[in-house]
Amino acid sequence: MSPDGDLSWDQQVEYESFLMTNMSPQAGSLNRGIWKLLETSVRGWTVQLNQPYTIYVGGVYGPGDKTIGNGVVVPHAFYKIVINDATGAAAGWMFPHTAPYPNLGNDLTKFRMTIAQIQQVAGVGYKFPANAKELQPGQEWPVDFGALTNAKRTKCGANAKDD
């Protein structure tokens, strides 16, 4: 679930972002909407602050989840946990993913959830740095999308994409 936009620095790596091992069924209204906004925001934070981040991402599964194709289960929610490795600042988001798949808007603060809640709902546990400190909703890192686009064009040249 690593976004293509993070991997365009190398053509082969970008091609590999489209392998099935990097995919999960996700409605277009989520993938091209608020999920894309969060992916782009994470990219902006790493570029603008020039600091490394650890990102945990996944689907939330449970009884009654829809299946497609040859029994591929469609998650009823998706989450992303973002940790600034340099400062320990961390934030988590969870998005509903149930039919009918609505447009969820562009207010990321509406989908902030504590990391403990995400881990409990998703049934997962992650390791965090000793200096980890969860940010309050609305206190996420600021993003200058124009600066992100310019930095990517400079670094990637002709291969750069704006997404």
N, C-alpha and C. Protein backbone atom coordinates (compact mmCIF):
# COMPACT_ATOMS: atom_id res chain seq x y z
N MET A 1 0.81 -1.19 0.00
CA MET A 1 0.00 0.00 0.00
C MET A 1 0.86 1.26 0.00
N SER A 2 2.07 1.09 -0.51
CA SER A 2 2.93 2.26 -0.68
C SER A 2 2.49 3.00 -1.93
N PRO A 3 2.21 4.31 -1.83
CA PRO A 3 1.67 5.04 -2.98
C PRO A 3 2.68 5.21 -4.11
N ASP A 4 2.17 5.07 -5.32
CA ASP A 4 2.97 5.26 -6.52
C ASP A 4 3.70 6.60 -6.48
N GLY A 5 3.04 7.64 -5.99
CA GLY A 5 3.64 8.97 -5.95
C GLY A 5 4.90 9.05 -5.09
N ASP A 6 5.07 8.11 -4.16
CA ASP A 6 6.28 8.08 -3.33
C ASP A 6 7.42 7.35 -4.01
N LEU A 7 7.13 6.65 -5.09
CA LEU A 7 8.12 5.76 -5.68
C LEU A 7 8.55 6.15 -7.09
N SER A 8 8.18 7.34 -7.53
CA SER A 8 8.50 7.74 -8.90
C SER A 8 9.94 8.19 -9.08
N TRP A 9 10.74 8.08 -8.06
CA TRP A 9 12.15 8.45 -8.16
C TRP A 9 12.94 7.44 -8.99
N ASP A 10 12.35 6.25 -9.24
CA ASP A 10 13.02 5.23 -10.04
C ASP A 10 11.95 4.48 -10.83
N GLN A 11 12.12 4.35 -12.13
CA GLN A 11 11.08 3.76 -12.96
C GLN A 11 10.76 2.33 -12.58
N GLN A 12 11.77 1.51 -12.29
CA GLN A 12 11.52 0.11 -11.92
C GLN A 12 10.79 0.03 -10.58
N VAL A 13 11.20 0.83 -9.64
CA VAL A 13 10.54 0.85 -8.33
C VAL A 13 9.09 1.28 -8.49
N GLU A 14 8.86 2.28 -9.33
CA GLU A 14 7.49 2.73 -9.57
C GLU A 14 6.66 1.62 -10.19
N TYR A 15 7.21 0.90 -11.17
CA TYR A 15 6.48 -0.23 -11.76
C TYR A 15 6.11 -1.24 -10.68
N GLU A 16 7.02 -1.49 -9.76
CA GLU A 16 6.77 -2.48 -8.71
C GLU A 16 5.69 -2.04 -7.73
N SER A 17 5.39 -0.75 -7.69
CA SER A 17 4.30 -0.29 -6.81
C SER A 17 2.95 -0.82 -7.29
N PHE A 18 2.88 -1.30 -8.54
CA PHE A 18 1.63 -1.81 -9.09
C PHE A 18 1.50 -3.33 -8.96
N LEU A 19 2.41 -3.98 -8.25
CA LEU A 19 2.29 -5.41 -8.02
C LEU A 19 1.16 -5.69 -7.02
N MET A 20 0.54 -6.83 -7.15
CA MET A 20 -0.59 -7.18 -6.28
C MET A 20 -0.20 -7.21 -4.79
N THR A 21 1.05 -7.45 -4.49
CA THR A 21 1.50 -7.46 -3.09
C THR A 21 1.45 -6.08 -2.45
N ASN A 22 1.26 -5.04 -3.27
CA ASN A 22 1.19 -3.67 -2.76
C ASN A 22 -0.23 -3.11 -2.90
N MET A 23 -1.21 -3.98 -3.03
CA MET A 23 -2.57 -3.52 -3.30
C MET A 23 -3.58 -4.09 -2.32
N SER A 24 -4.67 -3.35 -2.21
CA SER A 24 -5.84 -3.79 -1.46
C SER A 24 -7.05 -3.18 -2.15
N PRO A 25 -8.17 -3.89 -2.24
CA PRO A 25 -9.34 -3.31 -2.90
C PRO A 25 -9.80 -2.05 -2.17
N GLN A 26 -9.90 -0.96 -2.91
CA GLN A 26 -10.29 0.32 -2.30
C GLN A 26 -11.15 1.08 -3.30
N ALA A 27 -12.28 1.57 -2.84
CA ALA A 27 -13.18 2.33 -3.68
C ALA A 27 -12.49 3.58 -4.22
N GLY A 28 -12.81 3.90 -5.48
CA GLY A 28 -12.22 5.08 -6.11
C GLY A 28 -12.52 6.35 -5.34
N SER A 29 -13.72 6.45 -4.74
CA SER A 29 -14.07 7.67 -4.00
C SER A 29 -13.15 7.88 -2.80
N LEU A 30 -12.60 6.80 -2.24
CA LEU A 30 -11.64 6.93 -1.14
C LEU A 30 -10.24 7.13 -1.71
N ASN A 31 -9.86 6.26 -2.65
CA ASN A 31 -8.50 6.27 -3.19
C ASN A 31 -8.14 7.58 -3.88
N ARG A 32 -9.07 8.16 -4.59
CA ARG A 32 -8.80 9.41 -5.31
C ARG A 32 -9.25 10.63 -4.50
N GLY A 33 -9.76 10.40 -3.30
CA GLY A 33 -10.26 11.48 -2.46
C GLY A 33 -9.38 11.73 -1.26
N ILE A 34 -9.95 11.56 -0.08
CA ILE A 34 -9.25 11.92 1.15
C ILE A 34 -8.02 11.04 1.41
N TRP A 35 -8.04 9.79 0.93
CA TRP A 35 -6.87 8.91 1.09
C TRP A 35 -5.68 9.50 0.32
N LYS A 36 -5.95 9.97 -0.90
CA LYS A 36 -4.90 10.62 -1.71
C LYS A 36 -4.39 11.88 -1.01
N LEU A 37 -5.32 12.64 -0.40
CA LEU A 37 -4.91 13.84 0.33
C LEU A 37 -3.96 13.47 1.46
N LEU A 38 -4.25 12.41 2.19
CA LEU A 38 -3.36 12.00 3.28
C LEU A 38 -2.02 11.51 2.73
N GLU A 39 -2.04 10.73 1.65
CA GLU A 39 -0.78 10.28 1.05
C GLU A 39 0.08 11.46 0.62
N THR A 40 -0.54 12.44 0.00
CA THR A 40 0.19 13.63 -0.47
C THR A 40 0.68 14.45 0.72
N SER A 41 -0.11 14.53 1.77
CA SER A 41 0.31 15.26 2.96
C SER A 41 1.53 14.61 3.60
N VAL A 42 1.53 13.30 3.70
CA VAL A 42 2.68 12.58 4.27
C VAL A 42 3.93 12.86 3.43
N ARG A 43 3.77 12.83 2.12
CA ARG A 43 4.90 13.12 1.22
C ARG A 43 5.39 14.54 1.47
N GLY A 44 4.47 15.48 1.64
CA GLY A 44 4.84 16.87 1.90
C GLY A 44 5.59 17.02 3.21
N TRP A 45 5.14 16.32 4.25
CA TRP A 45 5.81 16.42 5.55
C TRP A 45 7.25 15.93 5.45
N THR A 46 7.46 14.82 4.76
CA THR A 46 8.82 14.29 4.67
C THR A 46 9.74 15.22 3.89
N VAL A 47 9.21 15.80 2.82
CA VAL A 47 10.03 16.69 1.98
C VAL A 47 10.29 18.01 2.69
N GLN A 48 9.25 18.64 3.21
CA GLN A 48 9.40 19.95 3.83
C GLN A 48 10.26 19.93 5.09
N LEU A 49 10.07 18.91 5.91
CA LEU A 49 10.84 18.84 7.15
C LEU A 49 12.17 18.13 6.96
N ASN A 50 12.34 17.46 5.81
CA ASN A 50 13.56 16.71 5.52
C ASN A 50 13.89 15.76 6.66
N GLN A 51 12.87 15.03 7.09
CA GLN A 51 13.03 14.08 8.19
C GLN A 51 12.40 12.75 7.79
N PRO A 52 12.94 11.66 8.32
CA PRO A 52 12.38 10.34 7.98
C PRO A 52 11.10 10.07 8.77
N TYR A 53 10.19 9.35 8.14
CA TYR A 53 8.93 8.95 8.76
C TYR A 53 8.75 7.45 8.63
N THR A 54 8.10 6.87 9.60
CA THR A 54 7.64 5.48 9.52
C THR A 54 6.14 5.53 9.34
N ILE A 55 5.64 4.75 8.40
CA ILE A 55 4.20 4.75 8.11
C ILE A 55 3.69 3.33 8.18
N TYR A 56 2.66 3.14 8.99
CA TYR A 56 1.95 1.86 9.06
C TYR A 56 0.60 2.06 8.40
N VAL A 57 0.22 1.15 7.53
CA VAL A 57 -1.04 1.28 6.81
C VAL A 57 -1.66 -0.10 6.64
N GLY A 58 -2.97 -0.13 6.66
CA GLY A 58 -3.63 -1.42 6.46
C GLY A 58 -5.12 -1.31 6.38
N GLY A 59 -5.73 -2.46 6.14
CA GLY A 59 -7.18 -2.56 6.10
C GLY A 59 -7.70 -3.15 7.39
N VAL A 60 -8.95 -2.87 7.67
CA VAL A 60 -9.63 -3.44 8.84
C VAL A 60 -10.66 -4.43 8.31
N TYR A 61 -10.58 -5.65 8.81
CA TYR A 61 -11.43 -6.73 8.33
C TYR A 61 -12.30 -7.26 9.46
N GLY A 62 -13.43 -7.84 9.08
CA GLY A 62 -14.31 -8.42 10.07
C GLY A 62 -15.40 -9.25 9.41
N PRO A 63 -16.21 -9.91 10.25
CA PRO A 63 -17.30 -10.73 9.71
C PRO A 63 -18.23 -9.87 8.84
N GLY A 64 -18.68 -10.45 7.76
CA GLY A 64 -19.61 -9.75 6.88
C GLY A 64 -18.95 -8.87 5.84
N ASP A 65 -17.62 -8.78 5.83
CA ASP A 65 -16.96 -7.98 4.81
C ASP A 65 -17.22 -8.59 3.43
N LYS A 66 -17.42 -7.73 2.46
CA LYS A 66 -17.69 -8.12 1.08
C LYS A 66 -16.47 -8.82 0.49
N THR A 67 -16.72 -9.74 -0.45
CA THR A 67 -15.62 -10.35 -1.20
C THR A 67 -15.82 -10.06 -2.68
N ILE A 68 -14.71 -10.04 -3.40
CA ILE A 68 -14.74 -9.83 -4.85
C ILE A 68 -13.85 -10.88 -5.50
N GLY A 69 -14.02 -11.06 -6.82
CA GLY A 69 -13.15 -12.00 -7.54
C GLY A 69 -13.17 -13.38 -6.96
N ASN A 70 -12.01 -13.94 -6.75
CA ASN A 70 -11.86 -15.29 -6.18
C ASN A 70 -11.76 -15.26 -4.67
N GLY A 71 -12.68 -14.54 -4.03
CA GLY A 71 -12.72 -14.52 -2.57
C GLY A 71 -11.83 -13.48 -1.92
N VAL A 72 -11.43 -12.44 -2.65
CA VAL A 72 -10.63 -11.36 -2.07
C VAL A 72 -11.54 -10.54 -1.16
N VAL A 73 -11.16 -10.40 0.09
CA VAL A 73 -11.96 -9.67 1.06
C VAL A 73 -11.70 -8.18 0.92
N VAL A 74 -12.79 -7.41 0.90
CA VAL A 74 -12.70 -5.95 0.82
C VAL A 74 -12.78 -5.40 2.25
N PRO A 75 -11.75 -4.70 2.73
CA PRO A 75 -11.78 -4.17 4.09
C PRO A 75 -12.94 -3.19 4.29
N HIS A 76 -13.47 -3.16 5.51
CA HIS A 76 -14.55 -2.20 5.80
C HIS A 76 -14.00 -0.88 6.34
N ALA A 77 -12.69 -0.78 6.49
CA ALA A 77 -12.04 0.47 6.89
C ALA A 77 -10.55 0.38 6.52
N PHE A 78 -9.92 1.54 6.41
CA PHE A 78 -8.47 1.62 6.18
C PHE A 78 -7.88 2.58 7.20
N TYR A 79 -6.65 2.30 7.62
CA TYR A 79 -5.98 3.18 8.58
C TYR A 79 -4.58 3.50 8.10
N LYS A 80 -4.07 4.61 8.64
CA LYS A 80 -2.68 5.01 8.40
C LYS A 80 -2.17 5.64 9.68
N ILE A 81 -1.02 5.17 10.13
CA ILE A 81 -0.33 5.73 11.30
C ILE A 81 0.99 6.30 10.80
N VAL A 82 1.26 7.55 11.13
CA VAL A 82 2.44 8.25 10.65
C VAL A 82 3.28 8.68 11.85
N ILE A 83 4.58 8.35 11.82
CA ILE A 83 5.49 8.67 12.92
C ILE A 83 6.70 9.42 12.37
N ASN A 84 6.97 10.60 12.89
CA ASN A 84 8.17 11.33 12.54
C ASN A 84 9.31 10.69 13.34
N ASP A 85 10.22 10.02 12.66
CA ASP A 85 11.29 9.29 13.34
C ASP A 85 12.25 10.21 14.09
N ALA A 86 12.40 11.44 13.63
CA ALA A 86 13.33 12.38 14.26
C ALA A 86 12.77 12.94 15.57
N THR A 87 11.47 13.23 15.58
CA THR A 87 10.88 13.89 16.76
C THR A 87 10.02 12.97 17.60
N GLY A 88 9.57 11.86 17.03
CA GLY A 88 8.67 10.95 17.74
C GLY A 88 7.20 11.35 17.63
N ALA A 89 6.92 12.49 17.00
CA ALA A 89 5.53 12.92 16.84
C ALA A 89 4.80 11.90 15.98
N ALA A 90 3.56 11.55 16.39
CA ALA A 90 2.81 10.51 15.69
C ALA A 90 1.34 10.90 15.58
N ALA A 91 0.70 10.41 14.52
CA ALA A 91 -0.73 10.66 14.32
C ALA A 91 -1.32 9.48 13.58
N GLY A 92 -2.62 9.24 13.80
CA GLY A 92 -3.30 8.14 13.13
C GLY A 92 -4.65 8.57 12.58
N TRP A 93 -5.04 7.94 11.49
CA TRP A 93 -6.31 8.19 10.83
C TRP A 93 -6.97 6.86 10.49
N MET A 94 -8.31 6.85 10.52
CA MET A 94 -9.05 5.68 10.05
C MET A 94 -10.25 6.17 9.24
N PHE A 95 -10.44 5.52 8.09
CA PHE A 95 -11.50 5.91 7.15
C PHE A 95 -12.46 4.75 6.94
N PRO A 96 -13.76 5.03 6.99
CA PRO A 96 -14.73 3.96 6.70
C PRO A 96 -14.67 3.59 5.23
N HIS A 97 -14.98 2.33 4.95
CA HIS A 97 -14.93 1.83 3.58
C HIS A 97 -16.07 0.82 3.38
N THR A 98 -17.28 1.32 3.43
CA THR A 98 -18.45 0.46 3.27
C THR A 98 -19.35 1.04 2.19
N ALA A 99 -19.99 0.15 1.45
CA ALA A 99 -20.89 0.56 0.37
C ALA A 99 -22.18 1.13 0.95
N PRO A 100 -22.79 2.13 0.33
CA PRO A 100 -22.24 2.83 -0.84
C PRO A 100 -21.07 3.70 -0.42
N TYR A 101 -20.05 3.73 -1.24
CA TYR A 101 -18.82 4.42 -0.90
C TYR A 101 -18.95 5.92 -1.13
N PRO A 102 -19.13 6.70 -0.06
CA PRO A 102 -19.34 8.13 -0.23
C PRO A 102 -18.03 8.89 -0.43
N ASN A 103 -18.15 10.11 -0.90
CA ASN A 103 -17.02 11.03 -0.91
C ASN A 103 -16.89 11.53 0.52
N LEU A 104 -15.74 11.32 1.14
CA LEU A 104 -15.55 11.67 2.56
C LEU A 104 -15.06 13.09 2.77
N GLY A 105 -15.00 13.89 1.71
CA GLY A 105 -14.56 15.27 1.86
C GLY A 105 -13.06 15.38 1.92
N ASN A 106 -12.57 16.49 2.50
CA ASN A 106 -11.12 16.72 2.57
C ASN A 106 -10.67 17.22 3.93
N ASP A 107 -11.43 16.94 4.97
CA ASP A 107 -11.05 17.35 6.33
C ASP A 107 -10.46 16.15 7.06
N LEU A 108 -9.13 16.05 7.03
CA LEU A 108 -8.46 14.92 7.66
C LEU A 108 -8.72 14.84 9.16
N THR A 109 -8.98 15.97 9.82
CA THR A 109 -9.19 15.94 11.27
C THR A 109 -10.43 15.14 11.65
N LYS A 110 -11.41 15.02 10.75
CA LYS A 110 -12.62 14.25 11.04
C LYS A 110 -12.33 12.76 11.19
N PHE A 111 -11.21 12.31 10.66
CA PHE A 111 -10.90 10.89 10.65
C PHE A 111 -9.71 10.54 11.54
N ARG A 112 -9.27 11.52 12.34
CA ARG A 112 -8.20 11.23 13.30
C ARG A 112 -8.75 10.29 14.36
N MET A 113 -7.93 9.34 14.74
CA MET A 113 -8.27 8.38 15.77
C MET A 113 -7.00 8.12 16.55
N THR A 114 -7.13 7.85 17.83
CA THR A 114 -5.91 7.57 18.59
C THR A 114 -5.26 6.30 18.05
N ILE A 115 -3.96 6.25 18.17
CA ILE A 115 -3.23 5.09 17.69
C ILE A 115 -3.65 3.85 18.46
N ALA A 116 -3.90 3.99 19.74
CA ALA A 116 -4.37 2.85 20.54
C ALA A 116 -5.71 2.33 20.01
N GLN A 117 -6.61 3.24 19.64
CA GLN A 117 -7.90 2.82 19.09
C GLN A 117 -7.72 2.11 17.75
N ILE A 118 -6.86 2.64 16.90
CA ILE A 118 -6.61 2.02 15.61
C ILE A 118 -6.08 0.60 15.80
N GLN A 119 -5.11 0.45 16.68
CA GLN A 119 -4.53 -0.87 16.90
C GLN A 119 -5.58 -1.84 17.44
N GLN A 120 -6.45 -1.35 18.32
CA GLN A 120 -7.49 -2.22 18.89
C GLN A 120 -8.50 -2.62 17.81
N VAL A 121 -9.01 -1.65 17.05
CA VAL A 121 -10.01 -1.93 16.02
C VAL A 121 -9.44 -2.83 14.93
N ALA A 122 -8.20 -2.58 14.52
CA ALA A 122 -7.58 -3.34 13.44
C ALA A 122 -7.01 -4.67 13.92
N GLY A 123 -6.87 -4.84 15.23
CA GLY A 123 -6.31 -6.08 15.75
C GLY A 123 -4.83 -6.23 15.46
N VAL A 124 -4.11 -5.13 15.49
CA VAL A 124 -2.68 -5.13 15.20
C VAL A 124 -1.93 -4.45 16.34
N GLY A 125 -0.64 -4.65 16.38
CA GLY A 125 0.21 -3.96 17.33
C GLY A 125 1.50 -3.55 16.63
N TYR A 126 1.90 -2.31 16.83
CA TYR A 126 3.10 -1.81 16.18
C TYR A 126 4.09 -1.32 17.22
N LYS A 127 5.35 -1.33 16.82
CA LYS A 127 6.41 -0.83 17.68
C LYS A 127 6.59 0.66 17.41
N PHE A 128 6.76 1.43 18.47
CA PHE A 128 6.95 2.87 18.35
C PHE A 128 8.25 3.27 19.02
N PRO A 129 8.87 4.37 18.56
CA PRO A 129 10.12 4.81 19.19
C PRO A 129 9.87 5.24 20.63
N ALA A 130 10.91 5.18 21.43
CA ALA A 130 10.80 5.54 22.85
C ALA A 130 10.31 6.97 23.04
N ASN A 131 10.63 7.85 22.09
CA ASN A 131 10.24 9.26 22.23
C ASN A 131 8.88 9.56 21.57
N ALA A 132 8.11 8.53 21.24
CA ALA A 132 6.83 8.73 20.54
C ALA A 132 5.86 9.55 21.39
N LYS A 133 5.25 10.54 20.73
CA LYS A 133 4.25 11.37 21.38
C LYS A 133 3.16 11.65 20.37
N GLU A 134 1.93 11.29 20.72
CA GLU A 134 0.83 11.44 19.78
C GLU A 134 0.38 12.89 19.70
N LEU A 135 0.23 13.37 18.48
CA LEU A 135 -0.26 14.73 18.25
C LEU A 135 -1.78 14.77 18.42
N GLN A 136 -2.29 15.88 18.89
CA GLN A 136 -3.72 16.07 18.99
C GLN A 136 -4.28 16.38 17.60
N PRO A 137 -5.54 15.99 17.33
CA PRO A 137 -6.13 16.32 16.03
C PRO A 137 -6.03 17.82 15.74
N GLY A 138 -5.65 18.13 14.52
CA GLY A 138 -5.48 19.52 14.12
C GLY A 138 -4.06 20.02 14.34
N GLN A 139 -3.24 19.23 15.02
CA GLN A 139 -1.86 19.64 15.30
C GLN A 139 -0.86 18.93 14.37
N GLU A 140 -1.35 18.34 13.30
CA GLU A 140 -0.49 17.64 12.37
C GLU A 140 0.49 18.62 11.73
N TRP A 141 1.47 18.10 11.09
CA TRP A 141 2.48 18.91 10.43
C TRP A 141 1.85 19.70 9.29
N PRO A 142 2.22 20.97 9.10
CA PRO A 142 1.65 21.74 7.99
C PRO A 142 2.22 21.28 6.65
N VAL A 143 1.46 21.51 5.58
CA VAL A 143 1.89 21.10 4.24
C VAL A 143 1.80 22.28 3.28
N ASP A 144 2.87 22.50 2.53
CA ASP A 144 2.88 23.47 1.44
C ASP A 144 2.91 22.64 0.15
N PHE A 145 1.72 22.42 -0.43
CA PHE A 145 1.63 21.54 -1.60
C PHE A 145 2.41 22.07 -2.80
N GLY A 146 2.48 23.38 -2.97
CA GLY A 146 3.26 23.95 -4.06
C GLY A 146 4.74 23.64 -3.92
N ALA A 147 5.26 23.77 -2.70
CA ALA A 147 6.67 23.46 -2.46
C ALA A 147 6.94 21.97 -2.70
N LEU A 148 5.99 21.13 -2.33
CA LEU A 148 6.13 19.69 -2.56
C LEU A 148 6.24 19.40 -4.05
N THR A 149 5.37 19.98 -4.85
CA THR A 149 5.39 19.77 -6.31
C THR A 149 6.73 20.23 -6.89
N ASN A 150 7.19 21.39 -6.49
CA ASN A 150 8.46 21.91 -7.01
C ASN A 150 9.64 21.04 -6.59
N ALA A 151 9.65 20.58 -5.35
CA ALA A 151 10.74 19.72 -4.87
C ALA A 151 10.76 18.40 -5.63
N LYS A 152 9.59 17.85 -5.88
CA LYS A 152 9.54 16.57 -6.60
C LYS A 152 10.00 16.75 -8.05
N ARG A 153 9.59 17.81 -8.69
CA ARG A 153 10.03 18.06 -10.07
C ARG A 153 11.55 18.22 -10.13
N THR A 154 12.12 18.91 -9.15
CA THR A 154 13.55 19.11 -9.11
C THR A 154 14.29 17.78 -8.93
N LYS A 155 13.79 16.96 -8.01
CA LYS A 155 14.47 15.70 -7.69
C LYS A 155 14.27 14.64 -8.75
N CYS A 156 13.07 14.55 -9.29
CA CYS A 156 12.72 13.45 -10.19
C CYS A 156 12.79 13.80 -11.66
N GLY A 157 12.85 15.07 -11.98
CA GLY A 157 12.92 15.48 -13.38
C GLY A 157 11.68 15.06 -14.16
N ALA A 158 11.89 14.51 -15.31
CA ALA A 158 10.79 14.18 -16.22
C ALA A 158 9.87 13.09 -15.68
N ASN A 159 10.36 12.26 -14.75
CA ASN A 159 9.53 11.18 -14.20
C ASN A 159 8.55 11.66 -13.15
N ALA A 160 8.65 12.90 -12.70
CA ALA A 160 7.84 13.40 -11.59
C ALA A 160 6.37 13.46 -11.96
N LYS A 161 5.54 13.07 -11.01
CA LYS A 161 4.09 13.20 -11.14
C LYS A 161 3.61 14.10 -10.02
N ASP A 162 2.51 14.78 -10.24
CA ASP A 162 1.98 15.69 -9.23
C ASP A 162 1.12 15.02 -8.18
N ASP A 163 0.94 13.71 -8.24
CA ASP A 163 0.07 13.04 -7.26
C ASP A 163 0.82 12.34 -6.17
